[in-house]
Amino acid sequence: MALEITRDEAGQLFTDYSKYIYRTALLLTRSETLADDITQETFIQVFKKFNTFDSTKPIKPWIYKISINTMRNMLRKQKWLTFVGYTPETADKELIEDMIIQNEESMQLWKEINQLSLKSREIFNTPLLC
């Protein structure tokens, strides 16, 4: 039997679990903006798919799984947009700063590697055969 969610139940679910979802998203993404977006999108999906929820099971793991899937989809989309060179106007400044720092660290690492002897550098330039 499909469950319907009332406005009051939806409000209560959001009140009970939104902080949990936000904290989880913030922990995994380290971006407040992205954590807000993930929390919002998670509850949109929860409300849309509430009729598929098995009421004999606890709801928290079900909501958690939706949030993780939402997070994966958003991060995948964000990586693709970065790959094609598109940075949304609402991009989180911290995320951009992290990318710049990571790029600078990578450049510094290669600078140090290039100071090694030719034989030692071969280790870093040889592709792994797995």
C-alpha atoms as a PDB file:
ATOM      1  CA  MET A   1       0.000   0.000   0.000  1.00  0.00           C
ATOM      2  CA  ALA A   2       1.483   3.332  -1.094  1.00  0.00           C
ATOM      3  CA  LEU A   3       1.973   5.915   1.611  1.00  0.00           C
ATOM      4  CA  GLU A   4       1.024   9.537   1.129  1.00  0.00           C
ATOM      5  CA  ILE A   5       2.806  12.228   3.085  1.00  0.00           C
ATOM      6  CA  THR A   6       0.894  15.111   4.592  1.00  0.00           C
ATOM      7  CA  ARG A   7       2.214  18.641   4.900  1.00  0.00           C
ATOM      8  CA  ASP A   8       2.587  18.212   8.681  1.00  0.00           C
ATOM      9  CA  GLU A   9       4.465  14.907   8.285  1.00  0.00           C
ATOM     10  CA  ALA A  10       6.759  16.472   5.696  1.00  0.00           C
ATOM     11  CA  GLY A  11       7.478  19.379   8.024  1.00  0.00           C
ATOM     12  CA  GLN A  12       8.187  17.006  10.895  1.00  0.00           C
ATOM     13  CA  LEU A  13      10.525  14.866   8.769  1.00  0.00           C
ATOM     14  CA  PHE A  14      12.418  17.973   7.724  1.00  0.00           C
ATOM     15  CA  THR A  15      12.645  19.201  11.319  1.00  0.00           C
ATOM     16  CA  ASP A  16      13.806  15.827  12.609  1.00  0.00           C
ATOM     17  CA  TYR A  17      16.395  14.966   9.942  1.00  0.00           C
ATOM     18  CA  SER A  18      17.540  18.114   8.103  1.00  0.00           C
ATOM     19  CA  LYS A  19      20.362  18.900  10.549  1.00  0.00           C
ATOM     20  CA  TYR A  20      21.588  15.299  10.326  1.00  0.00           C
ATOM     21  CA  ILE A  21      21.605  15.394   6.518  1.00  0.00           C
ATOM     22  CA  TYR A  22      23.260  18.827   6.456  1.00  0.00           C
ATOM     23  CA  ARG A  23      26.015  17.762   8.869  1.00  0.00           C
ATOM     24  CA  THR A  24      26.671  14.604   6.862  1.00  0.00           C
ATOM     25  CA  ALA A  25      26.847  16.540   3.603  1.00  0.00           C
ATOM     26  CA  LEU A  26      29.082  19.197   5.159  1.00  0.00           C
ATOM     27  CA  LEU A  27      31.412  16.548   6.563  1.00  0.00           C
ATOM     28  CA  LEU A  28      31.781  14.847   3.192  1.00  0.00           C
ATOM     29  CA  THR A  29      31.898  17.910   0.916  1.00  0.00           C
ATOM     30  CA  ARG A  30      33.452  20.532   3.232  1.00  0.00           C
ATOM     31  CA  SER A  31      31.284  23.120   1.471  1.00  0.00           C
ATOM     32  CA  GLU A  32      28.416  24.895   3.236  1.00  0.00           C
ATOM     33  CA  THR A  33      26.802  25.892  -0.060  1.00  0.00           C
ATOM     34  CA  LEU A  34      26.931  22.372  -1.438  1.00  0.00           C
ATOM     35  CA  ALA A  35      25.690  20.920   1.876  1.00  0.00           C
ATOM     36  CA  ASP A  36      22.681  23.283   1.739  1.00  0.00           C
ATOM     37  CA  ASP A  37      21.927  22.229  -1.831  1.00  0.00           C
ATOM     38  CA  ILE A  38      22.276  18.538  -0.984  1.00  0.00           C
ATOM     39  CA  THR A  39      19.983  18.889   2.037  1.00  0.00           C
ATOM     40  CA  GLN A  40      17.337  20.666  -0.018  1.00  0.00           C
ATOM     41  CA  GLU A  41      17.528  18.207  -2.905  1.00  0.00           C
ATOM     42  CA  THR A  42      17.473  15.242  -0.512  1.00  0.00           C
ATOM     43  CA  PHE A  43      14.174  16.326   1.000  1.00  0.00           C
ATOM     44  CA  ILE A  44      12.678  17.051  -2.406  1.00  0.00           C
ATOM     45  CA  GLN A  45      13.506  13.437  -3.312  1.00  0.00           C
ATOM     46  CA  VAL A  46      12.229  12.132   0.054  1.00  0.00           C
ATOM     47  CA  PHE A  47       8.882  13.833  -0.472  1.00  0.00           C
ATOM     48  CA  LYS A  48       8.628  12.694  -4.107  1.00  0.00           C
ATOM     49  CA  LYS A  49       9.506   9.077  -3.290  1.00  0.00           C
ATOM     50  CA  PHE A  50       7.762   8.789   0.050  1.00  0.00           C
ATOM     51  CA  ASN A  51       5.241   6.365  -1.466  1.00  0.00           C
ATOM     52  CA  THR A  52       8.099   3.870  -2.012  1.00  0.00           C
ATOM     53  CA  PHE A  53       9.162   3.907   1.646  1.00  0.00           C
ATOM     54  CA  ASP A  54       8.594   0.626   3.528  1.00  0.00           C
ATOM     55  CA  SER A  55       6.907   1.746   6.762  1.00  0.00           C
ATOM     56  CA  THR A  56       7.979  -1.476   8.513  1.00  0.00           C
ATOM     57  CA  LYS A  57      11.582  -0.252   8.449  1.00  0.00           C
ATOM     58  CA  PRO A  58      13.223   2.770  10.107  1.00  0.00           C
ATOM     59  CA  ILE A  59      13.122   5.947   8.050  1.00  0.00           C
ATOM     60  CA  LYS A  60      16.543   7.390   8.979  1.00  0.00           C
ATOM     61  CA  PRO A  61      18.606   4.896   6.898  1.00  0.00           C
ATOM     62  CA  TRP A  62      16.235   5.417   3.963  1.00  0.00           C
ATOM     63  CA  ILE A  63      16.693   9.200   4.110  1.00  0.00           C
ATOM     64  CA  TYR A  64      20.452   8.749   4.575  1.00  0.00           C
ATOM     65  CA  LYS A  65      20.679   6.592   1.446  1.00  0.00           C
ATOM     66  CA  ILE A  66      18.760   9.188  -0.567  1.00  0.00           C
ATOM     67  CA  SER A  67      21.124  11.900   0.702  1.00  0.00           C
ATOM     68  CA  ILE A  68      24.226   9.906  -0.237  1.00  0.00           C
ATOM     69  CA  ASN A  69      22.855   9.232  -3.727  1.00  0.00           C
ATOM     70  CA  THR A  70      21.938  12.905  -4.084  1.00  0.00           C
ATOM     71  CA  MET A  71      25.421  13.896  -2.960  1.00  0.00           C
ATOM     72  CA  ARG A  72      27.067  11.547  -5.458  1.00  0.00           C
ATOM     73  CA  ASN A  73      24.945  12.895  -8.287  1.00  0.00           C
ATOM     74  CA  MET A  74      25.680  16.514  -7.396  1.00  0.00           C
ATOM     75  CA  LEU A  75      29.420  15.907  -7.036  1.00  0.00           C
ATOM     76  CA  ARG A  76      29.469  14.005 -10.332  1.00  0.00           C
ATOM     77  CA  LYS A  77      27.714  16.920 -12.013  1.00  0.00           C
ATOM     78  CA  GLN A  78      30.083  19.414 -10.395  1.00  0.00           C
ATOM     79  CA  LYS A  79      33.144  17.445 -11.563  1.00  0.00           C
ATOM     80  CA  TRP A  80      31.759  17.326 -15.085  1.00  0.00           C
ATOM     81  CA  LEU A  81      31.114  21.091 -15.104  1.00  0.00           C
ATOM     82  CA  THR A  82      34.652  21.695 -13.849  1.00  0.00           C
ATOM     83  CA  PHE A  83      36.028  19.316 -16.473  1.00  0.00           C
ATOM     84  CA  VAL A  84      34.350  21.194 -19.324  1.00  0.00           C
ATOM     85  CA  GLY A  85      35.545  24.499 -17.884  1.00  0.00           C
ATOM     86  CA  TYR A  86      32.226  25.819 -16.600  1.00  0.00           C
ATOM     87  CA  THR A  87      32.169  27.305 -13.130  1.00  0.00           C
ATOM     88  CA  PRO A  88      28.666  28.234 -11.977  1.00  0.00           C
ATOM     89  CA  GLU A  89      28.194  31.825 -10.818  1.00  0.00           C
ATOM     90  CA  THR A  90      27.070  30.510  -7.454  1.00  0.00           C
ATOM     91  CA  ALA A  91      30.203  28.412  -6.990  1.00  0.00           C
ATOM     92  CA  ASP A  92      31.447  28.196  -3.452  1.00  0.00           C
ATOM     93  CA  LYS A  93      34.537  30.377  -2.953  1.00  0.00           C
ATOM     94  CA  GLU A  94      36.040  27.791  -0.617  1.00  0.00           C
ATOM     95  CA  LEU A  95      35.776  25.126  -3.320  1.00  0.00           C
ATOM     96  CA  ILE A  96      37.548  27.351  -5.835  1.00  0.00           C
ATOM     97  CA  GLU A  97      40.234  28.184  -3.276  1.00  0.00           C
ATOM     98  CA  ASP A  98      40.727  24.470  -2.574  1.00  0.00           C
ATOM     99  CA  MET A  99      41.173  23.806  -6.291  1.00  0.00           C
ATOM    100  CA  ILE A 100      43.737  26.615  -6.575  1.00  0.00           C
ATOM    101  CA  ILE A 101      45.658  25.357  -3.532  1.00  0.00           C
ATOM    102  CA  GLN A 102      45.601  21.800  -4.861  1.00  0.00           C
ATOM    103  CA  ASN A 103      46.895  23.018  -8.240  1.00  0.00           C
ATOM    104  CA  GLU A 104      49.701  24.997  -6.574  1.00  0.00           C
ATOM    105  CA  GLU A 105      50.650  21.999  -4.426  1.00  0.00           C
ATOM    106  CA  SER A 106      50.742  19.808  -7.511  1.00  0.00           C
ATOM    107  CA  MET A 107      52.972  22.298  -9.329  1.00  0.00           C
ATOM    108  CA  GLN A 108      55.289  22.481  -6.309  1.00  0.00           C
ATOM    109  CA  LEU A 109      55.468  18.675  -6.135  1.00  0.00           C
ATOM    110  CA  TRP A 110      56.444  18.408  -9.818  1.00  0.00           C
ATOM    111  CA  LYS A 111      59.008  21.161  -9.321  1.00  0.00           C
ATOM    112  CA  GLU A 112      60.591  19.088  -6.544  1.00  0.00           C
ATOM    113  CA  ILE A 113      60.396  15.897  -8.618  1.00  0.00           C
ATOM    114  CA  ASN A 114      62.184  17.632 -11.501  1.00  0.00           C
ATOM    115  CA  GLN A 115      65.112  18.355  -9.178  1.00  0.00           C
ATOM    116  CA  LEU A 116      65.701  14.637  -8.670  1.00  0.00           C
ATOM    117  CA  SER A 117      68.181  12.653 -10.716  1.00  0.00           C
ATOM    118  CA  LEU A 118      66.989  11.240 -14.028  1.00  0.00           C
ATOM    119  CA  LYS A 119      66.893   7.710 -12.619  1.00  0.00           C
ATOM    120  CA  SER A 120      64.772   8.808  -9.641  1.00  0.00           C
ATOM    121  CA  ARG A 121      62.396  10.790 -11.875  1.00  0.00           C
ATOM    122  CA  GLU A 122      61.693   7.684 -13.948  1.00  0.00           C
ATOM    123  CA  ILE A 123      59.729   6.287 -11.015  1.00  0.00           C
ATOM    124  CA  PHE A 124      57.245   9.173 -11.236  1.00  0.00           C
ATOM    125  CA  ASN A 125      56.985   9.162 -15.025  1.00  0.00           C
ATOM    126  CA  THR A 126      56.507   5.413 -15.466  1.00  0.00           C
ATOM    127  CA  PRO A 127      52.827   4.465 -15.819  1.00  0.00           C
ATOM    128  CA  LEU A 128      51.519   1.810 -13.455  1.00  0.00           C
ATOM    129  CA  LEU A 129      50.630  -1.456 -15.088  1.00  0.00           C
ATOM    130  CA  CYS A 130      47.796  -2.915 -13.083  1.00  0.00           C
END
